[in-house]
Protein backbone atom coordinates (compact mmCIF):
# COMPACT_ATOMS: atom_id res chain seq x y z
CA MET A 1 1.88 -2.98 15.93
CA ASN A 2 0.11 -2.22 12.67
CA LEU A 3 -3.72 -0.83 12.10
CA SER A 4 -5.37 -4.38 11.91
CA GLN A 5 -3.87 -5.41 15.08
CA LEU A 6 -4.69 -2.32 16.85
CA THR A 7 -8.15 -3.15 15.39
CA ASP A 8 -8.63 -6.69 17.00
CA ARG A 9 -7.43 -5.21 20.37
CA VAL A 10 -10.08 -2.18 19.98
CA ILE A 11 -12.69 -4.82 19.08
CA SER A 12 -11.57 -7.41 21.99
CA ASN A 13 -11.78 -4.83 24.71
CA LEU A 14 -15.38 -3.85 23.56
CA LYS A 15 -16.52 -7.35 23.29
CA GLY A 16 -14.57 -9.44 25.92
CA PHE A 17 -13.04 -12.78 24.67
CA SER A 18 -16.40 -14.71 24.81
CA ALA A 19 -19.19 -13.12 26.22
CA ASP A 20 -20.29 -11.42 23.09
CA GLN A 21 -20.15 -13.43 20.15
CA ASP A 22 -20.60 -12.71 16.71
CA SER A 23 -23.34 -14.71 14.35
CA GLN A 24 -20.65 -15.33 11.54
CA THR A 25 -19.97 -17.81 8.70
CA HIS A 26 -17.76 -17.71 5.83
CA ILE A 27 -18.05 -17.32 2.26
CA THR A 28 -17.41 -20.88 0.06
CA ALA A 29 -16.86 -18.58 -3.45
CA PRO A 30 -14.57 -15.28 -4.36
CA LEU A 31 -16.72 -12.61 -3.88
CA ALA A 32 -15.58 -9.65 -6.49
CA ILE A 33 -16.24 -5.96 -6.50
CA GLY A 34 -19.44 -6.51 -8.82
CA ASP A 35 -21.00 -9.28 -7.50
CA LEU A 36 -24.40 -9.21 -5.95
CA SER A 37 -24.65 -12.54 -4.85
CA VAL A 38 -22.18 -15.43 -2.65
CA ALA A 39 -22.99 -18.70 -1.16
CA VAL A 40 -22.03 -18.87 2.04
CA ASP A 41 -21.43 -21.97 4.26
CA ASP A 42 -24.04 -22.06 6.86
CA ILE A 43 -26.84 -19.74 5.90
CA ASN A 44 -28.65 -20.15 9.18
CA ARG A 45 -25.73 -17.66 10.78
CA ILE A 46 -26.66 -14.53 8.37
CA SER A 47 -29.97 -12.68 8.25
CA GLU A 48 -31.20 -10.21 6.24
CA GLY A 49 -29.84 -6.24 6.60
CA LEU A 50 -26.15 -5.21 7.86
CA ALA A 51 -23.52 -7.74 7.34
CA GLU A 52 -19.30 -7.26 7.34
CA ILE A 53 -16.97 -9.23 5.10
CA GLY A 54 -13.45 -7.81 5.30
CA ASP A 55 -13.55 -3.78 6.00
CA GLU A 56 -16.42 -3.98 3.84
CA MET A 57 -20.11 -3.84 4.85
CA LEU A 58 -22.83 -5.15 2.76
CA TRP A 59 -26.73 -4.87 2.62
CA ILE A 60 -28.04 -8.45 2.24
CA ARG A 61 -31.63 -7.57 0.72
CA ARG A 62 -32.67 -11.19 1.12
CA VAL A 63 -31.07 -14.64 2.50
CA ASP A 64 -31.92 -18.15 -0.01
CA PRO A 65 -31.79 -20.95 2.18
CA SER A 66 -32.44 -23.67 -0.47
CA ALA A 67 -29.40 -22.59 -2.16
CA GLY A 68 -27.16 -21.52 0.28
CA THR A 69 -26.77 -17.97 -1.06
CA ILE A 70 -27.42 -14.14 0.38
CA LEU A 71 -28.28 -11.66 -2.67
CA ILE A 72 -27.24 -8.49 -1.95
CA ALA A 73 -28.64 -5.07 -2.96
CA PRO A 74 -27.64 -3.04 -5.65
CA TYR A 75 -26.39 -0.05 -3.17
CA GLY A 76 -25.77 -2.87 -0.92
CA ARG A 77 -21.89 -3.06 -1.75
CA GLY A 78 -19.44 -0.57 0.05
CA TYR A 79 -22.53 0.12 2.15
CA ASP A 80 -22.05 2.86 5.00
CA GLY A 81 -19.15 4.75 3.57
CA SER A 82 -17.02 1.35 3.42
CA THR A 83 -15.41 0.43 0.42
CA ALA A 84 -16.17 -2.42 -2.11
CA ARG A 85 -13.48 -4.86 -2.33
CA ASP A 86 -13.07 -8.21 -3.56
CA HIS A 87 -12.61 -10.78 -1.32
CA ASP A 88 -11.01 -14.26 -1.38
CA MET A 89 -13.31 -17.61 -0.70
CA GLU A 90 -13.64 -19.14 2.86
CA SER A 91 -12.77 -15.05 3.76
CA ARG A 92 -15.04 -14.64 7.07
CA ILE A 93 -18.71 -12.98 7.09
CA ILE A 94 -20.08 -11.56 10.05
CA SER A 95 -24.20 -10.63 10.41
CA ALA A 96 -25.17 -7.69 12.28
CA PRO A 97 -21.68 -6.37 13.53
CA LYS A 98 -21.80 -4.71 16.86
CA PHE A 99 -18.61 -2.71 16.25
CA PRO A 100 -17.74 -3.06 12.18
CA ARG A 101 -14.23 -2.76 11.45
CA HIS A 102 -14.25 -0.02 9.06
CA GLN A 103 -15.95 2.59 11.74
CA VAL A 104 -13.22 0.53 14.47
CA LYS A 105 -10.10 2.15 11.90
CA LEU A 106 -12.36 5.67 11.73
CA ALA A 107 -12.20 5.77 15.47
CA ILE A 108 -8.71 5.17 15.73
CA ASN A 109 -8.20 7.71 13.43
CA ASP A 110 -10.12 10.52 15.19
CA ALA A 111 -8.11 9.05 18.26
CA VAL A 112 -4.49 9.59 16.56
CA ASP A 113 -5.91 13.32 15.47
CA SER A 114 -6.98 14.06 19.01
CA VAL A 115 -3.82 13.48 21.00
CA TYR A 116 -2.50 16.46 19.95
CA PRO A 117 -0.63 18.89 20.85
CA ASP A 118 -0.55 16.17 24.15
CA LEU A 119 1.27 13.74 22.18
CA TYR A 120 2.87 14.90 19.09
CA ALA A 121 5.11 13.40 16.05
CA ILE A 122 8.90 14.47 16.35
CA ASP A 123 10.96 14.87 12.74
CA GLU A 124 13.61 17.19 11.34
CA PHE A 125 15.37 18.41 8.28
CA GLU A 126 18.63 20.12 7.49
CA PHE A 127 20.42 22.44 5.72
CA PRO A 128 23.75 23.93 4.90
CA PHE A 129 24.44 27.13 6.50
CA VAL A 130 25.38 30.26 4.07
CA ALA A 131 27.38 33.05 5.83
CA ALA A 132 25.24 35.76 4.28
CA ARG A 133 22.23 34.64 5.38
CA THR A 134 20.36 34.18 8.35
CA THR A 135 16.92 33.33 7.61
CA TYR A 136 15.70 29.63 6.00
CA GLU A 137 12.28 28.29 5.63
CA VAL A 138 10.71 25.60 7.87
CA PRO A 139 8.23 22.79 6.44
CA ALA A 140 4.84 23.67 6.40
CA GLU A 141 4.04 20.47 8.71
CA ALA A 142 5.94 21.94 11.46
CA ASP A 143 4.27 22.95 14.75
CA GLN A 144 6.93 23.70 17.10
CA ILE A 145 10.98 23.89 17.24
CA ARG A 146 12.32 21.47 20.03
CA ARG A 147 15.95 22.33 19.32
CA ILE A 148 18.96 23.77 16.36
CA THR A 149 22.09 21.88 16.06
CA TRP A 150 25.45 22.05 13.88
CA HIS A 151 27.91 19.64 12.96
CA SER A 152 31.20 20.61 14.20
CA ILE A 153 34.21 20.18 12.09
CA GLY A 154 36.73 17.55 12.75
CA PRO A 155 36.46 13.57 14.58
CA SER A 156 34.27 14.69 17.12
CA LYS A 157 30.96 14.15 14.99
CA MET A 158 29.50 16.44 17.80
CA TRP A 159 26.92 18.28 16.75
CA ILE A 160 26.89 22.18 18.87
CA PRO A 161 23.55 23.80 19.99
CA ILE A 162 22.47 26.76 18.79
CA LYS A 163 20.89 28.89 21.64
CA ARG A 164 20.28 31.98 19.23
CA TRP A 165 17.10 31.47 16.99
CA GLN A 166 13.85 32.71 16.29
CA PHE A 167 10.88 30.96 14.74
CA ASP A 168 8.23 32.67 12.74
CA PRO A 169 4.90 30.19 12.12
CA ARG A 170 3.53 33.58 9.80
CA ALA A 171 6.74 34.20 7.52
CA ASP A 172 5.99 36.10 4.50
CA THR A 173 4.98 33.58 1.70
CA ASP A 174 6.68 35.12 -1.16
CA GLU A 175 9.96 34.45 0.35
CA PHE A 176 8.90 31.19 1.89
CA ALA A 177 6.31 28.84 0.40
CA SER A 178 5.55 27.16 3.75
CA GLY A 179 4.55 30.68 5.54
CA LYS A 180 7.21 29.11 8.24
CA SER A 181 10.90 29.92 8.88
CA VAL A 182 13.75 30.37 11.32
CA ASP A 183 16.00 33.02 12.25
CA LEU A 184 19.56 32.23 13.12
CA TYR A 185 21.35 34.42 15.56
CA GLN A 186 23.98 32.29 15.92
CA ALA A 187 26.36 31.94 13.12
CA PRO A 188 27.39 28.22 13.02
CA VAL A 189 30.67 27.70 10.64
CA PRO A 190 29.75 28.66 6.88
CA GLY A 191 28.97 25.46 5.24
CA ARG A 192 28.17 23.04 7.58
CA THR A 193 25.12 20.92 8.26
CA VAL A 194 22.61 22.06 11.03
CA ARG A 195 19.51 20.01 11.66
CA VAL A 196 15.84 21.28 12.68
CA THR A 197 14.20 19.07 15.17
CA PHE A 198 10.65 20.18 15.26
CA THR A 199 7.37 18.70 16.58
CA LYS A 200 4.14 18.16 13.90
CA PRO A 201 1.00 16.68 14.37
CA PRO A 202 0.54 13.19 14.57
CA SER A 203 -0.61 11.40 11.06
CA GLY A 204 -3.84 8.95 11.13
CA PHE A 205 -3.42 5.36 9.30
CA THR A 206 -3.51 4.81 5.27
CA ASP A 207 -3.19 1.11 5.12
CA ASP A 208 -3.64 -1.76 7.53
CA SER A 209 0.38 -2.94 7.81
CA THR A 210 2.32 0.18 8.63
CA ASP A 211 3.89 -0.19 11.97
CA PHE A 212 2.32 2.19 14.85
CA ALA A 213 5.19 4.38 15.12
CA THR A 214 5.93 4.65 11.47
CA ALA A 215 2.51 5.23 10.48
CA THR A 216 1.38 7.84 12.97
CA GLY A 217 4.83 9.40 14.11
CA LEU A 218 4.02 8.79 18.20
CA PRO A 219 6.08 6.58 20.06
CA ALA A 220 5.10 2.96 20.09
CA SER A 221 4.48 3.25 23.73
CA SER A 222 1.28 5.20 23.08
CA ALA A 223 -0.37 2.55 21.31
CA ASP A 224 -2.71 1.94 24.06
CA VAL A 225 -3.54 5.66 24.25
CA ILE A 226 -4.97 5.32 21.14
CA VAL A 227 -6.72 1.66 22.09
CA TRP A 228 -9.14 3.45 24.93
CA GLY A 229 -9.57 6.29 23.23
CA ALA A 230 -11.33 4.40 20.34
CA CYS A 231 -13.05 2.76 22.42
CA PHE A 232 -14.66 5.68 24.60
CA ARG A 233 -15.74 6.85 21.52
CA LEU A 234 -17.20 3.73 19.89
CA VAL A 235 -19.02 2.42 23.38
CA GLY A 236 -20.31 5.69 23.89
CA LEU A 237 -22.58 5.13 20.56
CA LEU A 238 -24.72 2.23 21.97
CA GLU A 239 -26.58 4.22 24.24
CA ALA A 240 -28.41 5.50 20.92
CA PRO A 241 -30.44 2.30 19.69
CA ARG A 242 -32.58 2.60 22.71
CA LEU A 243 -34.59 5.28 21.34
CA ASN A 244 -35.95 2.90 18.79
CA ILE A 245 -36.39 -0.13 20.11
CA GLN A 246 -38.64 -2.32 17.75
CA ALA A 247 -37.98 -6.06 17.85
CA ILE A 248 -39.33 -7.83 21.02
CA GLU A 249 -35.64 -9.11 21.04
CA GLN A 250 -34.36 -5.70 21.46
CA GLN A 251 -36.98 -4.58 24.16
CA THR A 252 -35.90 -7.85 25.78
CA LYS A 253 -31.99 -6.95 25.63
CA SER A 254 -32.94 -3.69 27.10
CA GLN A 255 -34.47 -5.16 30.30
CA LEU A 256 -31.76 -7.21 30.88
CA VAL A 257 -29.01 -4.39 30.36
CA PRO A 258 -29.97 -1.38 32.54
CA PRO A 259 -29.61 1.93 30.94
CA GLY A 260 -26.51 3.92 30.91
CA SER A 261 -24.11 0.78 31.34
CA SER A 262 -22.86 2.15 28.04
CA GLN A 263 -22.24 5.49 29.30
CA SER A 264 -20.63 4.14 32.43
CA ALA A 265 -18.51 2.12 29.87
CA ALA A 266 -17.60 4.87 27.90
CA ARG A 267 -16.75 6.53 31.02
CA HIS A 268 -14.58 4.21 32.08
CA PHE A 269 -12.54 4.00 28.96
CA LEU A 270 -12.01 7.76 29.34
CA GLN A 271 -10.62 7.35 32.27
CA LEU A 272 -8.62 4.86 31.05
CA TYR A 273 -7.55 7.41 27.81
CA GLN A 274 -6.80 10.20 30.49
CA MET A 275 -4.27 8.65 33.03
CA GLY A 276 -2.21 6.83 29.19
CA LEU A 277 -2.50 10.49 27.73
CA MET A 278 -1.06 12.09 30.61
CA ALA A 279 1.64 9.32 31.46
CA GLU A 280 2.54 9.11 28.32
CA ARG A 281 2.94 13.09 27.74
CA GLU A 282 5.40 12.78 30.77
CA ARG A 283 7.38 10.56 29.12
CA LEU A 284 7.31 11.90 25.92
CA GLN A 285 8.34 15.65 27.62
CA ARG A 286 11.42 13.60 29.62
CA ASN A 287 12.62 11.85 26.51
CA ASP A 288 12.63 14.81 24.38
CA PRO A 289 12.98 18.24 26.12
CA THR A 290 12.63 21.29 24.64
CA GLN A 291 16.00 23.37 24.12
CA ALA A 292 16.12 26.38 26.28
CA HIS A 293 16.83 29.68 23.24
CA PHE A 294 16.82 33.19 23.39
CA GLY A 295 15.33 35.46 20.37
CA TYR A 296 15.26 38.94 19.27
CA ARG A 297 11.73 39.80 19.01
């Protein structure tokens, strides 16, 4: 599952499959980054104000029914913190989207950041052991060391645990540029490869196509936790517009949807998130237990 698919999952959870449908159509000509007007297939489905095409937000200053085109404000490309992009003919355009895709993606990355340290990425690095040296640099991204092993001699291909070591997260930066090091008090055979496995914070998505586990470093099974985390962040924001109801349509809808409904939905997603987070944390700790070790400090 990649970022684009996660985004679709979040929006599907928030809107349902049919109860809340966007007013949408498609453009009938390409839209380049600098363009401020474009023809659309059904002009009646687009109104002035906020619109979305792909991940880009637009501010439409005027709709021209006779020409079947929309006119975008000079400041209207890449609106609301989104990025202006080229769009192909027949790209979908949505009028006044309730959950803009670029905002959903921001919420997904926020959810990825928030699961740490309950959930974490696991990485490793290797170095050859030097007989006269006990201390080695650890990557700056490392937060905790899970285990240290060394590659045995002979055909067994066994990685033997090193049980006497000490991690220093505040090492002398004059000696170790990362500011982190590990002291080995149990010496393997000189010249053999030592492998250090460590935890680090998960990474946010940087593109749409990279697989979830590859992009974040989290187990693929935790994708649902990220979806629910994004949902409760987004749905809770729907209560704020009640503070500024101006249009008659808004007043009517406000009467049909009781106050606090979005907050109740947010609590529902929060409960799903917390239960999923607990289950994933237990699974991660069970599948990758911390190695017992001894230090000398």
